[in-house]
Amino acid sequence: MASPAAANGTSSSGDHEKLTQHMSQEERQAAQAAAKFGYGPLAKVETSGDRLPAFGGEFQPGLYKPVAARKLGNPAPLGLSAFALTTFVLSLINVGARDLTSPSLVIAIAYGYGGLVQLLAGMWEMAVGNTFGATALSSYGGFWLSFAIILTPGGFEIESTLTADGTSPFYDSFGLYLMGWFIFTFILLVCTLRSTVAFFLLFFFLDLAFLLLGIGYLHRDAAGSPNPPIIKAGGYFGLFAAFMAWYNALAGIADNSNSFFIIPVAHFPWSEKGLARKKDLSHEA
């Protein structure tokens, strides 16, 4: 029976042949020499075993390849934290904490932290090869920037223009704006169904928040104002989403070098990690 080393050597040789079949003789010799001495594109062939499972702390909903010599840190916790704080403050206003009703304070946070910083984190996610993280963080960074632009008094005059003939046009427009973000968030939610419970709950709560807030602005009360109970319900789901964003951020920051414990994220049973665990348990039995 062939040894594992021999078997691996045969497999590696086959992979090298497949990768070099379209090269010239000179290119093939150079590539094989590079592989022999441990450098170049054939030095290591990636397999599914080289990939890491889904993890909200990396903002990854599925298997992903680690960056061996990453020159950038993990940008996901920064983006998640920016999203969490801005969502937290706005949601407190939506639930009527301390009898607050005006979201004016959120404008500054939406520009500086939830908008700019989260957008930068999304661009850095693109740099480290995380398409999902780049799409989500950049988009929600854009959401907070657009939210701030809509509510900024003076310069942009969006709210004043829409309320020139009454508040209904503005409320209808803002409700449709929120429903658009509900649809986008639902698309991202679908991509988390094979990840972790913590990652899924972040988008689940956020999606419900957008839905309820959108309904609250479109289905107004008798006085023509956004429906208070529905807006408040959306605010509570926004708070849940903010705490889940912080939770996933902490999971991405905490490790053995800075924490006494690792944050549990609970992989779904049907995820790659869950199926692998079930397979290991069946083998042990």
C-alpha atoms as a PDB file:
ATOM      1  CA  MET A   1       0.000   0.000   0.000  1.00  0.00           C
ATOM      2  CA  ALA A   2       1.358   3.417  -0.957  1.00  0.00           C
ATOM      3  CA  SER A   3       2.371   5.711   1.876  1.00  0.00           C
ATOM      4  CA  PRO A   4       0.468   8.970   2.476  1.00  0.00           C
ATOM      5  CA  ALA A   5       3.540  10.897   1.374  1.00  0.00           C
ATOM      6  CA  ALA A   6       3.670   8.976  -1.899  1.00  0.00           C
ATOM      7  CA  ALA A   7      -0.026   9.514  -2.464  1.00  0.00           C
ATOM      8  CA  ASN A   8       0.311  13.227  -1.796  1.00  0.00           C
ATOM      9  CA  GLY A   9       3.272  13.411  -4.128  1.00  0.00           C
ATOM     10  CA  THR A  10       1.293  11.767  -6.922  1.00  0.00           C
ATOM     11  CA  SER A  11      -1.646  14.139  -6.382  1.00  0.00           C
ATOM     12  CA  SER A  12       0.638  17.172  -6.287  1.00  0.00           C
ATOM     13  CA  SER A  13       2.380  16.052  -9.473  1.00  0.00           C
ATOM     14  CA  GLY A  14      -0.970  15.688 -11.213  1.00  0.00           C
ATOM     15  CA  ASP A  15      -2.010  19.168 -10.105  1.00  0.00           C
ATOM     16  CA  HIS A  16       1.252  20.605 -11.408  1.00  0.00           C
ATOM     17  CA  GLU A  17       0.807  18.896 -14.778  1.00  0.00           C
ATOM     18  CA  LYS A  18      -2.729  20.265 -15.080  1.00  0.00           C
ATOM     19  CA  LEU A  19      -1.609  23.809 -14.248  1.00  0.00           C
ATOM     20  CA  THR A  20       1.361  23.756 -16.644  1.00  0.00           C
ATOM     21  CA  GLN A  21      -0.201  22.019 -19.648  1.00  0.00           C
ATOM     22  CA  HIS A  22      -0.716  25.296 -21.547  1.00  0.00           C
ATOM     23  CA  MET A  23       2.755  26.667 -20.769  1.00  0.00           C
ATOM     24  CA  SER A  24       5.742  26.631 -23.083  1.00  0.00           C
ATOM     25  CA  GLN A  25       8.562  24.191 -22.295  1.00  0.00           C
ATOM     26  CA  GLU A  26      10.680  26.993 -20.830  1.00  0.00           C
ATOM     27  CA  GLU A  27       7.803  28.326 -18.681  1.00  0.00           C
ATOM     28  CA  ARG A  28       6.983  24.811 -17.484  1.00  0.00           C
ATOM     29  CA  GLN A  29      10.557  24.164 -16.362  1.00  0.00           C
ATOM     30  CA  ALA A  30      10.699  27.492 -14.496  1.00  0.00           C
ATOM     31  CA  ALA A  31       7.352  26.863 -12.762  1.00  0.00           C
ATOM     32  CA  GLN A  32       8.295  23.333 -11.716  1.00  0.00           C
ATOM     33  CA  ALA A  33      11.630  24.555 -10.371  1.00  0.00           C
ATOM     34  CA  ALA A  34       9.786  27.221  -8.361  1.00  0.00           C
ATOM     35  CA  ALA A  35       7.448  24.604  -6.915  1.00  0.00           C
ATOM     36  CA  LYS A  36      10.367  22.345  -6.014  1.00  0.00           C
ATOM     37  CA  PHE A  37      12.024  25.031  -3.903  1.00  0.00           C
ATOM     38  CA  GLY A  38       8.818  26.295  -2.277  1.00  0.00           C
ATOM     39  CA  TYR A  39       7.998  29.493  -4.106  1.00  0.00           C
ATOM     40  CA  GLY A  40       5.942  30.559  -7.106  1.00  0.00           C
ATOM     41  CA  PRO A  41       2.319  29.769  -8.106  1.00  0.00           C
ATOM     42  CA  LEU A  42       2.780  25.985  -7.914  1.00  0.00           C
ATOM     43  CA  ALA A  43       4.395  25.936  -4.484  1.00  0.00           C
ATOM     44  CA  LYS A  44       1.017  25.225  -2.900  1.00  0.00           C
ATOM     45  CA  VAL A  45      -2.256  24.150  -4.478  1.00  0.00           C
ATOM     46  CA  GLU A  46      -5.327  25.406  -2.572  1.00  0.00           C
ATOM     47  CA  THR A  47      -8.014  22.856  -1.688  1.00  0.00           C
ATOM     48  CA  SER A  48     -11.287  23.125   0.242  1.00  0.00           C
ATOM     49  CA  GLY A  49      -9.366  21.957   3.294  1.00  0.00           C
ATOM     50  CA  ASP A  50      -7.286  25.139   3.134  1.00  0.00           C
ATOM     51  CA  ARG A  51     -10.360  27.306   3.627  1.00  0.00           C
ATOM     52  CA  LEU A  52     -11.801  28.595   6.886  1.00  0.00           C
ATOM     53  CA  PRO A  53     -15.473  28.279   7.889  1.00  0.00           C
ATOM     54  CA  ALA A  54     -17.963  31.150   7.882  1.00  0.00           C
ATOM     55  CA  PHE A  55     -17.331  33.699  10.618  1.00  0.00           C
ATOM     56  CA  GLY A  56     -19.135  36.955  11.415  1.00  0.00           C
ATOM     57  CA  GLY A  57     -15.980  38.414  12.944  1.00  0.00           C
ATOM     58  CA  GLU A  58     -14.410  38.336   9.463  1.00  0.00           C
ATOM     59  CA  PHE A  59     -17.772  39.305   7.870  1.00  0.00           C
ATOM     60  CA  GLN A  60     -17.591  36.093   5.830  1.00  0.00           C
ATOM     61  CA  PRO A  61     -20.852  34.133   5.250  1.00  0.00           C
ATOM     62  CA  GLY A  62     -19.152  31.072   3.717  1.00  0.00           C
ATOM     63  CA  LEU A  63     -15.864  29.229   3.266  1.00  0.00           C
ATOM     64  CA  TYR A  64     -12.990  31.588   2.579  1.00  0.00           C
ATOM     65  CA  LYS A  65      -9.252  31.375   2.023  1.00  0.00           C
ATOM     66  CA  PRO A  66      -7.111  33.082   4.677  1.00  0.00           C
ATOM     67  CA  VAL A  67      -4.597  35.683   3.565  1.00  0.00           C
ATOM     68  CA  ALA A  68      -1.249  34.113   4.438  1.00  0.00           C
ATOM     69  CA  ALA A  69       0.854  37.261   4.793  1.00  0.00           C
ATOM     70  CA  ARG A  70      -1.853  39.873   5.251  1.00  0.00           C
ATOM     71  CA  LYS A  71      -0.456  43.388   5.333  1.00  0.00           C
ATOM     72  CA  LEU A  72      -3.836  44.782   6.409  1.00  0.00           C
ATOM     73  CA  GLY A  73      -5.652  43.989   9.634  1.00  0.00           C
ATOM     74  CA  ASN A  74      -9.186  42.612   9.698  1.00  0.00           C
ATOM     75  CA  PRO A  75     -11.380  45.619   8.765  1.00  0.00           C
ATOM     76  CA  ALA A  76     -14.694  43.905   9.626  1.00  0.00           C
ATOM     77  CA  PRO A  77     -14.806  44.825  13.365  1.00  0.00           C
ATOM     78  CA  LEU A  78     -14.228  48.493  12.501  1.00  0.00           C
ATOM     79  CA  GLY A  79     -17.069  48.518   9.983  1.00  0.00           C
ATOM     80  CA  LEU A  80     -19.365  46.571  12.292  1.00  0.00           C
ATOM     81  CA  SER A  81     -18.642  48.938  15.177  1.00  0.00           C
ATOM     82  CA  ALA A  82     -19.341  51.999  13.024  1.00  0.00           C
ATOM     83  CA  PHE A  83     -22.622  50.487  11.908  1.00  0.00           C
ATOM     84  CA  ALA A  84     -23.552  49.412  15.443  1.00  0.00           C
ATOM     85  CA  LEU A  85     -23.043  52.765  17.172  1.00  0.00           C
ATOM     86  CA  THR A  86     -24.903  54.804  14.556  1.00  0.00           C
ATOM     87  CA  THR A  87     -27.779  52.313  14.469  1.00  0.00           C
ATOM     88  CA  PHE A  88     -27.878  52.237  18.271  1.00  0.00           C
ATOM     89  CA  VAL A  89     -28.268  56.012  18.624  1.00  0.00           C
ATOM     90  CA  LEU A  90     -30.925  56.320  15.903  1.00  0.00           C
ATOM     91  CA  SER A  91     -32.847  53.344  17.294  1.00  0.00           C
ATOM     92  CA  LEU A  92     -32.916  54.889  20.771  1.00  0.00           C
ATOM     93  CA  ILE A  93     -34.541  57.962  19.233  1.00  0.00           C
ATOM     94  CA  ASN A  94     -37.007  55.769  17.325  1.00  0.00           C
ATOM     95  CA  VAL A  95     -38.131  54.033  20.530  1.00  0.00           C
ATOM     96  CA  GLY A  96     -38.557  57.418  22.231  1.00  0.00           C
ATOM     97  CA  ALA A  97     -35.790  57.121  24.819  1.00  0.00           C
ATOM     98  CA  ARG A  98     -35.706  60.189  27.107  1.00  0.00           C
ATOM     99  CA  ASP A  99     -38.642  61.540  25.049  1.00  0.00           C
ATOM    100  CA  LEU A 100     -36.298  62.316  22.144  1.00  0.00           C
ATOM    101  CA  THR A 101     -37.937  62.687  18.737  1.00  0.00           C
ATOM    102  CA  SER A 102     -35.496  64.601  16.499  1.00  0.00           C
ATOM    103  CA  PRO A 103     -32.721  62.604  14.775  1.00  0.00           C
ATOM    104  CA  SER A 104     -30.547  65.715  14.316  1.00  0.00           C
ATOM    105  CA  LEU A 105     -27.723  64.359  16.493  1.00  0.00           C
ATOM    106  CA  VAL A 106     -27.484  61.261  14.309  1.00  0.00           C
ATOM    107  CA  ILE A 107     -26.509  63.406  11.303  1.00  0.00           C
ATOM    108  CA  ALA A 108     -23.015  64.017  12.701  1.00  0.00           C
ATOM    109  CA  ILE A 109     -22.477  60.343  13.594  1.00  0.00           C
ATOM    110  CA  ALA A 110     -23.857  59.241  10.221  1.00  0.00           C
ATOM    111  CA  TYR A 111     -21.359  61.430   8.368  1.00  0.00           C
ATOM    112  CA  GLY A 112     -18.296  60.756  10.483  1.00  0.00           C
ATOM    113  CA  TYR A 113     -18.580  57.188  11.786  1.00  0.00           C
ATOM    114  CA  GLY A 114     -21.443  55.211  10.296  1.00  0.00           C
ATOM    115  CA  GLY A 115     -20.840  56.744   6.868  1.00  0.00           C
ATOM    116  CA  LEU A 116     -17.193  57.603   6.235  1.00  0.00           C
ATOM    117  CA  VAL A 117     -15.506  55.069   8.526  1.00  0.00           C
ATOM    118  CA  GLN A 118     -17.799  52.221   7.480  1.00  0.00           C
ATOM    119  CA  LEU A 119     -17.289  53.043   3.797  1.00  0.00           C
ATOM    120  CA  LEU A 120     -13.516  52.939   4.305  1.00  0.00           C
ATOM    121  CA  ALA A 121     -13.839  49.585   6.090  1.00  0.00           C
ATOM    122  CA  GLY A 122     -15.790  48.295   3.094  1.00  0.00           C
ATOM    123  CA  MET A 123     -13.019  49.378   0.725  1.00  0.00           C
ATOM    124  CA  TRP A 124     -10.453  47.635   2.913  1.00  0.00           C
ATOM    125  CA  GLU A 125     -12.617  44.500   2.818  1.00  0.00           C
ATOM    126  CA  MET A 126     -12.272  44.618  -0.956  1.00  0.00           C
ATOM    127  CA  ALA A 127      -8.502  44.885  -0.540  1.00  0.00           C
ATOM    128  CA  VAL A 128      -8.371  41.687   1.540  1.00  0.00           C
ATOM    129  CA  GLY A 129     -10.585  39.830  -0.941  1.00  0.00           C
ATOM    130  CA  ASN A 130     -13.893  39.716   0.956  1.00  0.00           C
ATOM    131  CA  THR A 131     -16.589  40.514  -1.614  1.00  0.00           C
ATOM    132  CA  PHE A 132     -19.508  40.061   0.788  1.00  0.00           C
ATOM    133  CA  GLY A 133     -17.945  42.279   3.449  1.00  0.00           C
ATOM    134  CA  ALA A 134     -17.041  44.937   0.883  1.00  0.00           C
ATOM    135  CA  THR A 135     -20.568  44.952  -0.536  1.00  0.00           C
ATOM    136  CA  ALA A 136     -22.304  45.068   2.849  1.00  0.00           C
ATOM    137  CA  LEU A 137     -20.092  47.567   4.675  1.00  0.00           C
ATOM    138  CA  SER A 138     -19.692  49.916   1.709  1.00  0.00           C
ATOM    139  CA  SER A 139     -23.437  49.851   1.048  1.00  0.00           C
ATOM    140  CA  TYR A 140     -24.415  50.562   4.645  1.00  0.00           C
ATOM    141  CA  GLY A 141     -21.753  53.252   4.769  1.00  0.00           C
ATOM    142  CA  GLY A 142     -23.507  54.735   1.750  1.00  0.00           C
ATOM    143  CA  PHE A 143     -26.828  54.336   3.554  1.00  0.00           C
ATOM    144  CA  TRP A 144     -25.675  56.435   6.491  1.00  0.00           C
ATOM    145  CA  LEU A 145     -24.158  59.081   4.228  1.00  0.00           C
ATOM    146  CA  SER A 146     -27.374  59.326   2.208  1.00  0.00           C
ATOM    147  CA  PHE A 147     -29.422  59.376   5.424  1.00  0.00           C
ATOM    148  CA  ALA A 148     -27.363  62.311   6.687  1.00  0.00           C
ATOM    149  CA  ILE A 149     -27.656  64.116   3.348  1.00  0.00           C
ATOM    150  CA  ILE A 150     -31.454  63.757   3.387  1.00  0.00           C
ATOM    151  CA  LEU A 151     -31.761  65.227   6.878  1.00  0.00           C
ATOM    152  CA  THR A 152     -29.057  67.903   6.617  1.00  0.00           C
ATOM    153  CA  PRO A 153     -30.821  71.277   6.818  1.00  0.00           C
ATOM    154  CA  GLY A 154     -29.891  74.059   4.429  1.00  0.00           C
ATOM    155  CA  GLY A 155     -27.472  72.992   1.707  1.00  0.00           C
ATOM    156  CA  PHE A 156     -29.199  69.993   0.154  1.00  0.00           C
ATOM    157  CA  GLU A 157     -32.770  71.140   0.815  1.00  0.00           C
ATOM    158  CA  ILE A 158     -34.159  67.644   0.213  1.00  0.00           C
ATOM    159  CA  GLU A 159     -36.492  67.578   3.190  1.00  0.00           C
ATOM    160  CA  SER A 160     -37.592  71.200   2.746  1.00  0.00           C
ATOM    161  CA  THR A 161     -38.361  70.622  -0.942  1.00  0.00           C
ATOM    162  CA  LEU A 162     -40.446  67.518  -0.287  1.00  0.00           C
ATOM    163  CA  THR A 163     -42.342  69.162   2.582  1.00  0.00           C
ATOM    164  CA  ALA A 164     -43.159  72.365   0.663  1.00  0.00           C
ATOM    165  CA  ASP A 165     -46.696  71.070  -0.047  1.00  0.00           C
ATOM    166  CA  GLY A 166     -47.106  69.170   3.223  1.00  0.00           C
ATOM    167  CA  THR A 167     -45.321  66.308   4.941  1.00  0.00           C
ATOM    168  CA  SER A 168     -46.935  63.444   2.997  1.00  0.00           C
ATOM    169  CA  PRO A 169     -44.532  63.538  -0.003  1.00  0.00           C
ATOM    170  CA  PHE A 170     -41.513  63.400   2.297  1.00  0.00           C
ATOM    171  CA  TYR A 171     -42.916  60.573   4.434  1.00  0.00           C
ATOM    172  CA  ASP A 172     -43.879  58.564   1.334  1.00  0.00           C
ATOM    173  CA  SER A 173     -40.455  59.095  -0.244  1.00  0.00           C
ATOM    174  CA  PHE A 174     -38.631  58.212   2.967  1.00  0.00           C
ATOM    175  CA  GLY A 175     -40.787  55.111   3.454  1.00  0.00           C
ATOM    176  CA  LEU A 176     -39.971  53.884  -0.068  1.00  0.00           C
ATOM    177  CA  TYR A 177     -36.294  54.643   0.584  1.00  0.00           C
ATOM    178  CA  LEU A 178     -36.388  52.404   3.666  1.00  0.00           C
ATOM    179  CA  MET A 179     -38.231  49.649   1.783  1.00  0.00           C
ATOM    180  CA  GLY A 180     -35.432  49.642  -0.788  1.00  0.00           C
ATOM    181  CA  TRP A 181     -32.935  48.998   1.998  1.00  0.00           C
ATOM    182  CA  PHE A 182     -35.206  46.253   3.323  1.00  0.00           C
ATOM    183  CA  ILE A 183     -34.935  44.467  -0.055  1.00  0.00           C
ATOM    184  CA  PHE A 184     -31.142  44.882  -0.183  1.00  0.00           C
ATOM    185  CA  THR A 185     -30.747  43.600   3.376  1.00  0.00           C
ATOM    186  CA  PHE A 186     -32.928  40.587   2.559  1.00  0.00           C
ATOM    187  CA  ILE A 187     -30.536  39.704  -0.285  1.00  0.00           C
ATOM    188  CA  LEU A 188     -27.626  39.766   2.165  1.00  0.00           C
ATOM    189  CA  LEU A 189     -29.684  37.812   4.709  1.00  0.00           C
ATOM    190  CA  VAL A 190     -30.080  34.956   2.214  1.00  0.00           C
ATOM    191  CA  CYS A 191     -26.281  34.779   1.939  1.00  0.00           C
ATOM    192  CA  THR A 192     -25.939  34.186   5.704  1.00  0.00           C
ATOM    193  CA  LEU A 193     -28.172  31.100   5.886  1.00  0.00           C
ATOM    194  CA  ARG A 194     -25.154  28.764   5.846  1.00  0.00           C
ATOM    195  CA  SER A 195     -22.976  30.817   8.197  1.00  0.00           C
ATOM    196  CA  THR A 196     -23.356  31.353  11.950  1.00  0.00           C
ATOM    197  CA  VAL A 197     -26.336  32.140  14.153  1.00  0.00           C
ATOM    198  CA  ALA A 198     -24.773  35.427  15.310  1.00  0.00           C
ATOM    199  CA  PHE A 199     -24.104  36.553  11.741  1.00  0.00           C
ATOM    200  CA  PHE A 200     -27.604  35.558  10.573  1.00  0.00           C
ATOM    201  CA  LEU A 201     -29.331  37.337  13.473  1.00  0.00           C
ATOM    202  CA  LEU A 202     -27.542  40.597  12.651  1.00  0.00           C
ATOM    203  CA  PHE A 203     -29.139  40.741   9.208  1.00  0.00           C
ATOM    204  CA  PHE A 204     -32.434  39.241  10.378  1.00  0.00           C
ATOM    205  CA  PHE A 205     -32.989  41.968  12.986  1.00  0.00           C
ATOM    206  CA  LEU A 206     -31.766  44.677  10.619  1.00  0.00           C
ATOM    207  CA  ASP A 207     -34.115  43.503   7.877  1.00  0.00           C
ATOM    208  CA  LEU A 208     -37.093  43.616  10.238  1.00  0.00           C
ATOM    209  CA  ALA A 209     -36.050  47.090  11.386  1.00  0.00           C
ATOM    210  CA  PHE A 210     -36.008  48.426   7.817  1.00  0.00           C
ATOM    211  CA  LEU A 211     -39.341  46.745   7.050  1.00  0.00           C
ATOM    212  CA  LEU A 212     -41.126  48.130  10.102  1.00  0.00           C
ATOM    213  CA  LEU A 213     -39.674  51.617   9.748  1.00  0.00           C
ATOM    214  CA  GLY A 214     -40.661  51.676   6.083  1.00  0.00           C
ATOM    215  CA  ILE A 215     -44.201  50.577   6.936  1.00  0.00           C
ATOM    216  CA  GLY A 216     -44.332  53.151   9.731  1.00  0.00           C
ATOM    217  CA  TYR A 217     -43.636  55.988   7.289  1.00  0.00           C
ATOM    218  CA  LEU A 218     -45.964  54.662   4.570  1.00  0.00           C
ATOM    219  CA  HIS A 219     -48.860  53.629   6.851  1.00  0.00           C
ATOM    220  CA  ARG A 220     -49.253  56.780   8.926  1.00  0.00           C
ATOM    221  CA  ASP A 221     -51.593  57.494  11.846  1.00  0.00           C
ATOM    222  CA  ALA A 222     -54.779  59.583  11.738  1.00  0.00           C
ATOM    223  CA  ALA A 223     -52.795  62.796  12.174  1.00  0.00           C
ATOM    224  CA  GLY A 224     -50.649  62.001   9.133  1.00  0.00           C
ATOM    225  CA  SER A 225     -47.494  61.337  11.163  1.00  0.00           C
ATOM    226  CA  PRO A 226     -45.324  58.200  11.004  1.00  0.00           C
ATOM    227  CA  ASN A 227     -47.143  55.438  12.901  1.00  0.00           C
ATOM    228  CA  PRO A 228     -45.680  55.612  16.458  1.00  0.00           C
ATOM    229  CA  PRO A 229     -46.146  51.937  17.503  1.00  0.00           C
ATOM    230  CA  ILE A 230     -44.662  50.629  14.238  1.00  0.00           C
ATOM    231  CA  ILE A 231     -41.755  53.096  14.345  1.00  0.00           C
ATOM    232  CA  LYS A 232     -41.083  52.095  17.946  1.00  0.00           C
ATOM    233  CA  ALA A 233     -41.127  48.393  17.005  1.00  0.00           C
ATOM    234  CA  GLY A 234     -38.660  49.123  14.208  1.00  0.00           C
ATOM    235  CA  GLY A 235     -36.490  50.956  16.719  1.00  0.00           C
ATOM    236  CA  TYR A 236     -36.354  47.932  19.010  1.00  0.00           C
ATOM    237  CA  PHE A 237     -35.300  45.659  16.153  1.00  0.00           C
ATOM    238  CA  GLY A 238     -32.696  48.287  15.263  1.00  0.00           C
ATOM    239  CA  LEU A 239     -31.337  48.025  18.806  1.00  0.00           C
ATOM    240  CA  PHE A 240     -31.174  44.228  18.479  1.00  0.00           C
ATOM    241  CA  ALA A 241     -29.279  44.642  15.187  1.00  0.00           C
ATOM    242  CA  ALA A 242     -26.850  47.104  16.791  1.00  0.00           C
ATOM    243  CA  PHE A 243     -26.045  44.709  19.634  1.00  0.00           C
ATOM    244  CA  MET A 244     -25.572  41.818  17.179  1.00  0.00           C
ATOM    245  CA  ALA A 245     -23.199  43.994  15.130  1.00  0.00           C
ATOM    246  CA  TRP A 246     -21.174  44.721  18.273  1.00  0.00           C
ATOM    247  CA  TYR A 247     -21.248  41.022  19.161  1.00  0.00           C
ATOM    248  CA  ASN A 248     -19.839  40.023  15.767  1.00  0.00           C
ATOM    249  CA  ALA A 249     -17.268  42.822  16.016  1.00  0.00           C
ATOM    250  CA  LEU A 250     -16.122  41.502  19.401  1.00  0.00           C
ATOM    251  CA  ALA A 251     -15.891  37.999  17.942  1.00  0.00           C
ATOM    252  CA  GLY A 252     -13.531  39.395  15.314  1.00  0.00           C
ATOM    253  CA  ILE A 253     -11.382  41.304  17.810  1.00  0.00           C
ATOM    254  CA  ALA A 254     -11.125  38.898  20.763  1.00  0.00           C
ATOM    255  CA  ASP A 255      -8.498  36.172  20.512  1.00  0.00           C
ATOM    256  CA  ASN A 256      -6.102  34.327  22.808  1.00  0.00           C
ATOM    257  CA  SER A 257      -3.718  37.285  22.846  1.00  0.00           C
ATOM    258  CA  ASN A 258      -6.163  39.839  24.277  1.00  0.00           C
ATOM    259  CA  SER A 259      -9.095  37.987  25.817  1.00  0.00           C
ATOM    260  CA  PHE A 260      -9.646  35.340  28.480  1.00  0.00           C
ATOM    261  CA  PHE A 261     -12.409  33.778  26.391  1.00  0.00           C
ATOM    262  CA  ILE A 262     -13.400  33.330  22.757  1.00  0.00           C
ATOM    263  CA  ILE A 263     -16.812  34.641  21.690  1.00  0.00           C
ATOM    264  CA  PRO A 264     -19.156  31.784  20.663  1.00  0.00           C
ATOM    265  CA  VAL A 265     -20.803  32.302  17.270  1.00  0.00           C
ATOM    266  CA  ALA A 266     -22.770  29.010  16.914  1.00  0.00           C
ATOM    267  CA  HIS A 267     -22.456  27.566  13.415  1.00  0.00           C
ATOM    268  CA  PHE A 268     -25.687  26.336  11.848  1.00  0.00           C
ATOM    269  CA  PRO A 269     -25.950  22.500  11.702  1.00  0.00           C
ATOM    270  CA  TRP A 270     -26.204  22.673   7.879  1.00  0.00           C
ATOM    271  CA  SER A 271     -23.177  24.957   7.480  1.00  0.00           C
ATOM    272  CA  GLU A 272     -19.807  23.558   6.380  1.00  0.00           C
ATOM    273  CA  LYS A 273     -18.534  23.707   9.968  1.00  0.00           C
ATOM    274  CA  GLY A 274     -21.721  22.113  11.330  1.00  0.00           C
ATOM    275  CA  LEU A 275     -21.645  19.267   8.802  1.00  0.00           C
ATOM    276  CA  ALA A 276     -17.964  18.640   9.536  1.00  0.00           C
ATOM    277  CA  ARG A 277     -18.704  18.489  13.270  1.00  0.00           C
ATOM    278  CA  LYS A 278     -21.569  16.057  12.689  1.00  0.00           C
ATOM    279  CA  LYS A 279     -19.281  13.897  10.544  1.00  0.00           C
ATOM    280  CA  ASP A 280     -16.618  13.846  13.266  1.00  0.00           C
ATOM    281  CA  LEU A 281     -19.197  12.851  15.895  1.00  0.00           C
ATOM    282  CA  SER A 282     -20.497  10.006  13.723  1.00  0.00           C
ATOM    283  CA  HIS A 283     -16.945   8.707  13.258  1.00  0.00           C
ATOM    284  CA  GLU A 284     -16.328   8.835  17.019  1.00  0.00           C
ATOM    285  CA  ALA A 285     -19.558   6.902  17.626  1.00  0.00           C
END
